[in-house]
PDB file of N, CA and C in Angstrom:
ATOM      1  N   MET A   1     -77.203 104.084-130.786  1.00  0.00           N
ATOM      2  CA  MET A   1     -77.306 103.651-129.418  1.00  0.00           C
ATOM      3  C   MET A   1     -76.008 102.994-128.979  1.00  0.00           C
ATOM      4  N   THR A   2     -75.796 103.094-127.714  1.00  0.00           N
ATOM      5  CA  THR A   2     -74.607 102.433-127.184  1.00  0.00           C
ATOM      6  C   THR A   2     -74.916 100.956-126.973  1.00  0.00           C
ATOM      7  N   TRP A   3     -73.877 100.199-126.852  1.00  0.00           N
ATOM      8  CA  TRP A   3     -74.069  98.759-126.676  1.00  0.00           C
ATOM      9  C   TRP A   3     -74.741  98.448-125.351  1.00  0.00           C
ATOM     10  N   ARG A   4     -74.537  99.303-124.334  1.00  0.00           N
ATOM     11  CA  ARG A   4     -75.190  99.077-123.034  1.00  0.00           C
ATOM     12  C   ARG A   4     -76.692  99.268-123.139  1.00  0.00           C
ATOM     13  N   ARG A   5     -77.082 100.284-123.860  1.00  0.00           N
ATOM     14  CA  ARG A   5     -78.522 100.536-124.035  1.00  0.00           C
ATOM     15  C   ARG A   5     -79.150  99.395-124.843  1.00  0.00           C
ATOM     16  N   GLU A   6     -78.466  98.947-125.868  1.00  0.00           N
ATOM     17  CA  GLU A   6     -78.981  97.829-126.661  1.00  0.00           C
ATOM     18  C   GLU A   6     -79.113  96.578-125.801  1.00  0.00           C
ATOM     19  N   ARG A   7     -78.119  96.350-124.973  1.00  0.00           N
ATOM     20  CA  ARG A   7     -78.148  95.186-124.076  1.00  0.00           C
ATOM     21  C   ARG A   7     -79.295  95.296-123.079  1.00  0.00           C
ATOM     22  N   MET A   8     -79.534  96.498-122.554  1.00  0.00           N
ATOM     23  CA  MET A   8     -80.612  96.717-121.610  1.00  0.00           C
ATOM     24  C   MET A   8     -81.967  96.451-122.283  1.00  0.00           C
ATOM     25  N   ILE A   9     -82.134  96.924-123.486  1.00  0.00           N
ATOM     26  CA  ILE A   9     -83.388  96.694-124.214  1.00  0.00           C
ATOM     27  C   ILE A   9     -83.581  95.204-124.487  1.00  0.00           C
ATOM     28  N   GLU A  10     -82.517  94.539-124.890  1.00  0.00           N
ATOM     29  CA  GLU A  10     -82.578  93.095-125.141  1.00  0.00           C
ATOM     30  C   GLU A  10     -82.928  92.333-123.862  1.00  0.00           C
ATOM     31  N   ASP A  11     -82.306  92.691-122.760  1.00  0.00           N
ATOM     32  CA  ASP A  11     -82.598  92.044-121.480  1.00  0.00           C
ATOM     33  C   ASP A  11     -84.051  92.293-121.051  1.00  0.00           C
ATOM     34  N   ARG A  12     -84.529  93.503-121.257  1.00  0.00           N
ATOM     35  CA  ARG A  12     -85.908  93.830-120.909  1.00  0.00           C
ATOM     36  C   ARG A  12     -86.883  93.000-121.751  1.00  0.00           C
ATOM     37  N   ASN A  13     -86.595  92.847-123.031  1.00  0.00           N
ATOM     38  CA  ASN A  13     -87.448  92.033-123.894  1.00  0.00           C
ATOM     39  C   ASN A  13     -87.454  90.569-123.462  1.00  0.00           C
ATOM     40  N   LEU A  14     -86.287  90.062-123.083  1.00  0.00           N
ATOM     41  CA  LEU A  14     -86.208  88.693-122.583  1.00  0.00           C
ATOM     42  C   LEU A  14     -86.998  88.534-121.280  1.00  0.00           C
ATOM     43  N   ARG A  15     -86.878  89.510-120.408  1.00  0.00           N
ATOM     44  CA  ARG A  15     -87.610  89.483-119.147  1.00  0.00           C
ATOM     45  C   ARG A  15     -89.108  89.501-119.393  1.00  0.00           C
ATOM     46  N   ASP A  16     -89.555  90.359-120.291  1.00  0.00           N
ATOM     47  CA  ASP A  16     -90.983  90.448-120.587  1.00  0.00           C
ATOM     48  C   ASP A  16     -91.503  89.144-121.204  1.00  0.00           C
ATOM     49  N   ALA A  17     -90.710  88.531-122.050  1.00  0.00           N
ATOM     50  CA  ALA A  17     -91.119  87.266-122.662  1.00  0.00           C
ATOM     51  C   ALA A  17     -91.207  86.169-121.603  1.00  0.00           C
ATOM     52  N   ALA A  18     -90.232  86.131-120.712  1.00  0.00           N
ATOM     53  CA  ALA A  18     -90.255  85.131-119.638  1.00  0.00           C
ATOM     54  C   ALA A  18     -91.444  85.358-118.720  1.00  0.00           C
ATOM     55  N   ARG A  19     -91.742  86.601-118.423  1.00  0.00           N
ATOM     56  CA  ARG A  19     -92.892  86.914-117.570  1.00  0.00           C
ATOM     57  C   ARG A  19     -94.190  86.471-118.229  1.00  0.00           C
ATOM     58  N   ALA A  20     -94.293  86.677-119.531  1.00  0.00           N
ATOM     59  CA  ALA A  20     -95.497  86.249-120.252  1.00  0.00           C
ATOM     60  C   ALA A  20     -95.666  84.729-120.187  1.00  0.00           C
ATOM     61  N   VAL A  21     -94.567  84.001-120.288  1.00  0.00           N
ATOM     62  CA  VAL A  21     -94.625  82.540-120.195  1.00  0.00           C
ATOM     63  C   VAL A  21     -95.082  82.124-118.802  1.00  0.00           C
ATOM     64  N   VAL A  22     -94.532  82.731-117.773  1.00  0.00           N
ATOM     65  CA  VAL A  22     -94.905  82.396-116.393  1.00  0.00           C
ATOM     66  C   VAL A  22     -96.371  82.729-116.142  1.00  0.00           C
ATOM     67  N   GLU A  23     -96.830  83.881-116.606  1.00  0.00           N
ATOM     68  CA  GLU A  23     -98.227  84.258-116.405  1.00  0.00           C
ATOM     69  C   GLU A  23     -99.164  83.295-117.127  1.00  0.00           C
ATOM     70  N   THR A  24     -98.789  82.849-118.313  1.00  0.00           N
ATOM     71  CA  THR A  24     -99.597  81.872-119.038  1.00  0.00           C
ATOM     72  C   THR A  24     -99.644  80.553-118.283  1.00  0.00           C
ATOM     73  N   ASP A  25     -98.511  80.122-117.764  1.00  0.00           N
ATOM     74  CA  ASP A  25     -98.474  78.886-116.975  1.00  0.00           C
ATOM     75  C   ASP A  25     -99.362  79.001-115.733  1.00  0.00           C
ATOM     76  N   LEU A  26     -99.308  80.126-115.061  1.00  0.00           N
ATOM     77  CA  LEU A  26    -100.146  80.333-113.882  1.00  0.00           C
ATOM     78  C   LEU A  26    -101.630  80.282-114.236  1.00  0.00           C
ATOM     79  N   ARG A  27    -102.004  80.912-115.350  1.00  0.00           N
ATOM     80  CA  ARG A  27    -103.404  80.855-115.778  1.00  0.00           C
ATOM     81  C   ARG A  27    -103.823  79.410-116.060  1.00  0.00           C
ATOM     82  N   ASN A  28    -102.951  78.651-116.694  1.00  0.00           N
ATOM     83  CA  ASN A  28    -103.263  77.247-116.985  1.00  0.00           C
ATOM     84  C   ASN A  28    -103.401  76.429-115.707  1.00  0.00           C
ATOM     85  N   VAL A  29    -102.518  76.655-114.739  1.00  0.00           N
ATOM     86  CA  VAL A  29    -102.597  75.939-113.465  1.00  0.00           C
ATOM     87  C   VAL A  29    -103.878  76.299-112.733  1.00  0.00           C
ATOM     88  N   ARG A  30    -104.206  77.576-112.703  1.00  0.00           N
ATOM     89  CA  ARG A  30    -105.438  77.992-112.027  1.00  0.00           C
ATOM     90  C   ARG A  30    -106.662  77.397-112.699  1.00  0.00           C
ATOM     91  N   ALA A  31    -106.671  77.375-114.001  1.00  0.00           N
ATOM     92  CA  ALA A  31    -107.802  76.783-114.720  1.00  0.00           C
ATOM     93  C   ALA A  31    -107.904  75.296-114.419  1.00  0.00           C
ATOM     94  N   GLY A  32    -106.777  74.626-114.365  1.00  0.00           N
ATOM     95  CA  GLY A  32    -106.779  73.201-114.049  1.00  0.00           C
ATOM     96  C   GLY A  32    -107.232  72.921-112.632  1.00  0.00           C
ATOM     97  N   LEU A  33    -106.831  73.761-111.704  1.00  0.00           N
ATOM     98  CA  LEU A  33    -107.212  73.558-110.310  1.00  0.00           C
ATOM     99  C   LEU A  33    -108.682  73.871-110.072  1.00  0.00           C
ATOM    100  N   SER A  34    -109.241  74.749-110.871  1.00  0.00           N
ATOM    101  CA  SER A  34    -110.634  75.101-110.654  1.00  0.00           C
ATOM    102  C   SER A  34    -111.576  73.991-111.101  1.00  0.00           C
ATOM    103  N   THR A  35    -111.121  73.105-111.995  1.00  0.00           N
ATOM    104  CA  THR A  35    -112.003  72.044-112.472  1.00  0.00           C
ATOM    105  C   THR A  35    -112.061  70.865-111.508  1.00  0.00           C
ATOM    106  N   LYS A  36    -111.003  70.564-110.787  1.00  0.00           N
ATOM    107  CA  LYS A  36    -110.976  69.447-109.845  1.00  0.00           C
ATOM    108  C   LYS A  36    -110.427  69.908-108.508  1.00  0.00           C
ATOM    109  N   SER A  37    -111.001  69.368-107.444  1.00  0.00           N
ATOM    110  CA  SER A  37    -110.463  69.678-106.119  1.00  0.00           C
ATOM    111  C   SER A  37    -109.191  68.861-105.888  1.00  0.00           C
ATOM    112  N   ILE A  38    -108.488  69.188-104.834  1.00  0.00           N
ATOM    113  CA  ILE A  38    -107.251  68.477-104.516  1.00  0.00           C
ATOM    114  C   ILE A  38    -107.550  67.014-104.198  1.00  0.00           C
ATOM    115  N   GLY A  39    -108.639  66.762-103.497  1.00  0.00           N
ATOM    116  CA  GLY A  39    -109.023  65.387-103.177  1.00  0.00           C
ATOM    117  C   GLY A  39    -109.343  64.583-104.425  1.00  0.00           C
ATOM    118  N   GLU A  40    -110.048  65.213-105.367  1.00  0.00           N
ATOM    119  CA  GLU A  40    -110.357  64.518-106.618  1.00  0.00           C
ATOM    120  C   GLU A  40    -109.093  64.217-107.403  1.00  0.00           C
ATOM    121  N   ARG A  41    -108.168  65.173-107.401  1.00  0.00           N
ATOM    122  CA  ARG A  41    -106.895  64.949-108.097  1.00  0.00           C
ATOM    123  C   ARG A  41    -106.123  63.800-107.456  1.00  0.00           C
ATOM    124  N   ALA A  42    -106.067  63.778-106.129  1.00  0.00           N
ATOM    125  CA  ALA A  42    -105.342  62.713-105.429  1.00  0.00           C
ATOM    126  C   ALA A  42    -105.990  61.366-105.701  1.00  0.00           C
ATOM    127  N   ALA A  43    -107.313  61.321-105.648  1.00  0.00           N
ATOM    128  CA  ALA A  43    -108.013  60.059-105.904  1.00  0.00           C
ATOM    129  C   ALA A  43    -107.767  59.589-107.332  1.00  0.00           C
ATOM    130  N   SER A  44    -107.763  60.521-108.248  1.00  0.00           N
ATOM    131  CA  SER A  44    -107.530  60.175-109.656  1.00  0.00           C
ATOM    132  C   SER A  44    -106.125  59.617-109.853  1.00  0.00           C
ATOM    133  N   ARG A  45    -105.145  60.246-109.247  1.00  0.00           N
ATOM    134  CA  ARG A  45    -103.764  59.768-109.385  1.00  0.00           C
ATOM    135  C   ARG A  45    -103.576  58.407-108.707  1.00  0.00           C
ATOM    136  N   ILE A  46    -104.212  58.218-107.567  1.00  0.00           N
ATOM    137  CA  ILE A  46    -104.109  56.928-106.881  1.00  0.00           C
ATOM    138  C   ILE A  46    -104.751  55.836-107.729  1.00  0.00           C
ATOM    139  N   ALA A  47    -105.906  56.136-108.308  1.00  0.00           N
ATOM    140  CA  ALA A  47    -106.584  55.151-109.146  1.00  0.00           C
ATOM    141  C   ALA A  47    -105.745  54.813-110.377  1.00  0.00           C
ATOM    142  N   GLU A  48    -105.148  55.826-110.989  1.00  0.00           N
ATOM    143  CA  GLU A  48    -104.286  55.574-112.144  1.00  0.00           C
ATOM    144  C   GLU A  48    -103.080  54.721-111.750  1.00  0.00           C
ATOM    145  N   GLY A  49    -102.478  55.047-110.611  1.00  0.00           N
ATOM    146  CA  GLY A  49    -101.327  54.282-110.131  1.00  0.00           C
ATOM    147  C   GLY A  49    -101.701  52.846-109.810  1.00  0.00           C
ATOM    148  N   ALA A  50    -102.854  52.652-109.176  1.00  0.00           N
ATOM    149  CA  ALA A  50    -103.305  51.297-108.847  1.00  0.00           C
ATOM    150  C   ALA A  50    -103.577  50.504-110.117  1.00  0.00           C
ATOM    151  N   SER A  51    -104.153  51.151-111.097  1.00  0.00           N
ATOM    152  CA  SER A  51    -104.418  50.480-112.369  1.00  0.00           C
ATOM    153  C   SER A  51    -103.114  50.062-113.049  1.00  0.00           C
ATOM    154  N   ASP A  52    -102.124  50.938-113.007  1.00  0.00           N
ATOM    155  CA  ASP A  52    -100.823  50.610-113.592  1.00  0.00           C
ATOM    156  C   ASP A  52    -100.166  49.439-112.867  1.00  0.00           C
ATOM    157  N   VAL A  53    -100.239  49.438-111.546  1.00  0.00           N
ATOM    158  CA  VAL A  53     -99.654  48.347-110.760  1.00  0.00           C
ATOM    159  C   VAL A  53    -100.372  47.035-111.065  1.00  0.00           C
ATOM    160  N   TYR A  54    -101.701  47.084-111.159  1.00  0.00           N
ATOM    161  CA  TYR A  54    -102.476  45.883-111.473  1.00  0.00           C
ATOM    162  C   TYR A  54    -102.087  45.337-112.848  1.00  0.00           C
ATOM    163  N   ASP A  55    -102.000  46.220-113.834  1.00  0.00           N
ATOM    164  CA  ASP A  55    -101.616  45.789-115.187  1.00  0.00           C
ATOM    165  C   ASP A  55    -100.229  45.149-115.189  1.00  0.00           C
ATOM    166  N   GLU A  56     -99.310  45.750-114.461  1.00  0.00           N
ATOM    167  CA  GLU A  56     -97.948  45.211-114.380  1.00  0.00           C
ATOM    168  C   GLU A  56     -97.946  43.851-113.680  1.00  0.00           C
ATOM    169  N   ALA A  57     -98.744  43.722-112.616  1.00  0.00           N
ATOM    170  CA  ALA A  57     -98.808  42.448-111.889  1.00  0.00           C
ATOM    171  C   ALA A  57     -99.383  41.343-112.775  1.00  0.00           C
ATOM    172  N   ILE A  58    -100.395  41.674-113.548  1.00  0.00           N
ATOM    173  CA  ILE A  58    -100.977  40.685-114.460  1.00  0.00           C
ATOM    174  C   ILE A  58     -99.947  40.255-115.492  1.00  0.00           C
ATOM    175  N   GLU A  59     -99.211  41.200-116.018  1.00  0.00           N
ATOM    176  CA  GLU A  59     -98.181  40.888-117.021  1.00  0.00           C
ATOM    177  C   GLU A  59     -97.082  40.010-116.433  1.00  0.00           C
ATOM    178  N   VAL A  60     -96.604  40.353-115.246  1.00  0.00           N
ATOM    179  CA  VAL A  60     -95.542  39.577-114.609  1.00  0.00           C
ATOM    180  C   VAL A  60     -96.053  38.179-114.257  1.00  0.00           C
ATOM    181  N   ALA A  61     -97.289  38.103-113.759  1.00  0.00           N
ATOM    182  CA  ALA A  61     -97.850  36.801-113.392  1.00  0.00           C
ATOM    183  C   ALA A  61     -97.993  35.899-114.613  1.00  0.00           C
ATOM    184  N   SER A  62     -98.394  36.468-115.743  1.00  0.00           N
ATOM    185  CA  SER A  62     -98.536  35.639-116.938  1.00  0.00           C
ATOM    186  C   SER A  62     -97.178  35.186-117.461  1.00  0.00           C
ATOM    187  N   ASP A  63     -96.143  35.979-117.221  1.00  0.00           N
ATOM    188  CA  ASP A  63     -94.795  35.612-117.663  1.00  0.00           C
ATOM    189  C   ASP A  63     -94.137  34.586-116.736  1.00  0.00           C
ATOM    190  N   HIS A  64     -94.552  34.539-115.473  1.00  0.00           N
ATOM    191  CA  HIS A  64     -93.900  33.676-114.481  1.00  0.00           C
ATOM    192  C   HIS A  64     -94.931  32.842-113.729  1.00  0.00           C
ATOM    193  N   LYS A  65     -95.655  32.012-114.442  1.00  0.00           N
ATOM    194  CA  LYS A  65     -96.722  31.218-113.826  1.00  0.00           C
ATOM    195  C   LYS A  65     -96.191  30.217-112.810  1.00  0.00           C
ATOM    196  N   GLY A  66     -95.025  29.629-113.067  1.00  0.00           N
ATOM    197  CA  GLY A  66     -94.451  28.670-112.130  1.00  0.00           C
ATOM    198  C   GLY A  66     -94.091  29.319-110.807  1.00  0.00           C
ATOM    199  N   ALA A  67     -93.481  30.478-110.861  1.00  0.00           N
ATOM    200  CA  ALA A  67     -93.105  31.190-109.639  1.00  0.00           C
ATOM    201  C   ALA A  67     -94.349  31.610-108.865  1.00  0.00           C
ATOM    202  N   LEU A  68     -95.372  32.026-109.578  1.00  0.00           N
ATOM    203  CA  LEU A  68     -96.613  32.424-108.919  1.00  0.00           C
ATOM    204  C   LEU A  68     -97.253  31.225-108.213  1.00  0.00           C
ATOM    205  N   ALA A  69     -97.252  30.070-108.865  1.00  0.00           N
ATOM    206  CA  ALA A  69     -97.799  28.856-108.245  1.00  0.00           C
ATOM    207  C   ALA A  69     -96.994  28.484-107.000  1.00  0.00           C
ATOM    208  N   ALA A  70     -95.675  28.610-107.050  1.00  0.00           N
ATOM    209  CA  ALA A  70     -94.827  28.291-105.892  1.00  0.00           C
ATOM    210  C   ALA A  70     -95.113  29.238-104.734  1.00  0.00           C
ATOM    211  N   ILE A  71     -95.310  30.509-105.028  1.00  0.00           N
ATOM    212  CA  ILE A  71     -95.605  31.491-103.976  1.00  0.00           C
ATOM    213  C   ILE A  71     -96.946  31.187-103.332  1.00  0.00           C
ATOM    214  N   ILE A  72     -97.950  30.868-104.150  1.00  0.00           N
ATOM    215  CA  ILE A  72     -99.271  30.555-103.612  1.00  0.00           C
ATOM    216  C   ILE A  72     -99.204  29.290-102.752  1.00  0.00           C
ATOM    217  N   ALA A  73     -98.456  28.282-103.206  1.00  0.00           N
ATOM    218  CA  ALA A  73     -98.303  27.052-102.420  1.00  0.00           C
ATOM    219  C   ALA A  73     -97.593  27.337-101.099  1.00  0.00           C
ATOM    220  N   ALA A  74     -96.565  28.155-101.138  1.00  0.00           N
ATOM    221  CA  ALA A  74     -95.842  28.498 -99.909  1.00  0.00           C
ATOM    222  C   ALA A  74     -96.749  29.238 -98.938  1.00  0.00           C
ATOM    223  N   LEU A  75     -97.571  30.143 -99.435  1.00  0.00           N
ATOM    224  CA  LEU A  75     -98.508  30.852 -98.554  1.00  0.00           C
ATOM    225  C   LEU A  75     -99.536  29.898 -97.957  1.00  0.00           C
ATOM    226  N   ALA A  76    -100.037  28.985 -98.777  1.00  0.00           N
ATOM    227  CA  ALA A  76    -101.014  28.018 -98.266  1.00  0.00           C
ATOM    228  C   ALA A  76    -100.386  27.161 -97.173  1.00  0.00           C
ATOM    229  N   LEU A  77     -99.163  26.698 -97.395  1.00  0.00           N
ATOM    230  CA  LEU A  77     -98.477  25.912 -96.369  1.00  0.00           C
ATOM    231  C   LEU A  77     -98.213  26.725 -95.108  1.00  0.00           C
ATOM    232  N   TRP A  78     -97.878  27.980 -95.266  1.00  0.00           N
ATOM    233  CA  TRP A  78     -97.605  28.825 -94.106  1.00  0.00           C
ATOM    234  C   TRP A  78     -98.857  28.981 -93.251  1.00  0.00           C
ATOM    235  N   PHE A  79     -99.991  29.255 -93.895  1.00  0.00           N
ATOM    236  CA  PHE A  79    -101.221  29.439 -93.131  1.00  0.00           C
ATOM    237  C   PHE A  79    -101.742  28.121 -92.560  1.00  0.00           C
ATOM    238  N   ALA A  80    -101.371  27.004 -93.158  1.00  0.00           N
ATOM    239  CA  ALA A  80    -101.826  25.695 -92.673  1.00  0.00           C
ATOM    240  C   ALA A  80    -100.747  24.993 -91.857  1.00  0.00           C
ATOM    241  N   ARG A  81     -99.714  25.684 -91.427  1.00  0.00           N
ATOM    242  CA  ARG A  81     -98.579  25.042 -90.768  1.00  0.00           C
ATOM    243  C   ARG A  81     -98.965  24.404 -89.446  1.00  0.00           C
ATOM    244  N   HIS A  82     -99.808  25.037 -88.665  1.00  0.00           N
ATOM    245  CA  HIS A  82    -100.158  24.468 -87.357  1.00  0.00           C
ATOM    246  C   HIS A  82    -100.920  23.149 -87.502  1.00  0.00           C
ATOM    247  N   PRO A  83    -101.958  23.083 -88.331  1.00  0.00           N
ATOM    248  CA  PRO A  83    -102.621  21.781 -88.497  1.00  0.00           C
ATOM    249  C   PRO A  83    -101.705  20.722 -89.106  1.00  0.00           C
ATOM    250  N   ILE A  84    -100.836  21.097 -89.998  1.00  0.00           N
ATOM    251  CA  ILE A  84     -99.909  20.132 -90.611  1.00  0.00           C
ATOM    252  C   ILE A  84     -98.934  19.601 -89.571  1.00  0.00           C
ATOM    253  N   LEU A  85     -98.341  20.489 -88.782  1.00  0.00           N
ATOM    254  CA  LEU A  85     -97.409  20.057 -87.731  1.00  0.00           C
ATOM    255  C   LEU A  85     -98.115  19.185 -86.700  1.00  0.00           C
ATOM    256  N   GLU A  86     -99.343  19.550 -86.368  1.00  0.00           N
ATOM    257  CA  GLU A  86    -100.108  18.774 -85.396  1.00  0.00           C
ATOM    258  C   GLU A  86    -100.412  17.373 -85.932  1.00  0.00           C
ATOM    259  N   ALA A  87    -100.723  17.290 -87.218  1.00  0.00           N
ATOM    260  CA  ALA A  87    -101.012  15.986 -87.823  1.00  0.00           C
ATOM    261  C   ALA A  87     -99.757  15.118 -87.871  1.00  0.00           C
ATOM    262  N   LEU A  88     -98.620  15.737 -88.110  1.00  0.00           N
ATOM    263  CA  LEU A  88     -97.370  14.983 -88.218  1.00  0.00           C
ATOM    264  C   LEU A  88     -96.781  14.606 -86.866  1.00  0.00           C
ATOM    265  N   PHE A  89     -96.808  15.541 -85.917  1.00  0.00           N
ATOM    266  CA  PHE A  89     -96.085  15.338 -84.661  1.00  0.00           C
ATOM    267  C   PHE A  89     -96.971  15.330 -83.421  1.00  0.00           C
ATOM    268  N   GLY A  90     -98.236  15.544 -83.539  1.00  0.00           N
ATOM    269  CA  GLY A  90     -99.135  15.526 -82.403  1.00  0.00           C
ATOM    270  C   GLY A  90     -99.258  16.896 -81.741  1.00  0.00           C
ATOM    271  N   GLU A  91     -99.926  16.932 -80.601  1.00  0.00           N
ATOM    272  CA  GLU A  91    -100.196  18.165 -79.875  1.00  0.00           C
ATOM    273  C   GLU A  91     -98.937  18.878 -79.391  1.00  0.00           C
ATOM    274  N   GLU A  92     -97.888  18.116 -79.048  1.00  0.00           N
ATOM    275  CA  GLU A  92     -96.685  18.739 -78.484  1.00  0.00           C
ATOM    276  C   GLU A  92     -95.957  19.625 -79.473  1.00  0.00           C
ATOM    277  N   SER A  93     -96.260  19.512 -80.758  1.00  0.00           N
ATOM    278  CA  SER A  93     -95.605  20.374 -81.746  1.00  0.00           C
ATOM    279  C   SER A  93     -96.240  21.757 -81.839  1.00  0.00           C
ATOM    280  N   ARG A  94     -97.376  21.927 -81.193  1.00  0.00           N
ATOM    281  CA  ARG A  94     -98.084  23.200 -81.246  1.00  0.00           C
ATOM    282  C   ARG A  94     -97.277  24.268 -80.482  1.00  0.00           C
ATOM    283  N   PRO A  95     -96.993  25.404 -81.139  1.00  0.00           N
ATOM    284  CA  PRO A  95     -96.243  26.464 -80.457  1.00  0.00           C
ATOM    285  C   PRO A  95     -97.118  27.168 -79.429  1.00  0.00           C
ATOM    286  N   GLY A  96     -96.462  27.784 -78.493  1.00  0.00           N
ATOM    287  CA  GLY A  96     -97.180  28.643 -77.587  1.00  0.00           C
ATOM    288  C   GLY A  96     -97.342  28.062 -76.286  1.00  0.00           C
TER     289      GLY A  96
END
């Protein structure tokens, strides 16, 4: 055989192997999609992501308890700012 014919046969074999891989992947994707709807998949991924975020938040909070306490205190003061200002400076300190 000539080298061109050998190359053509080799290329055809590579193409057929690649096609078999793609067809197998498609069958796997179709099988996976048939078991869960798109909505179920989205809900599952959101739940997994929320769980990961919660776990990370718990870990960070346990590592930085002082910072967490400062943030909570700052939020409490922010939401109570109007009564605090009113107690300190009277009615005229009320915005608006």
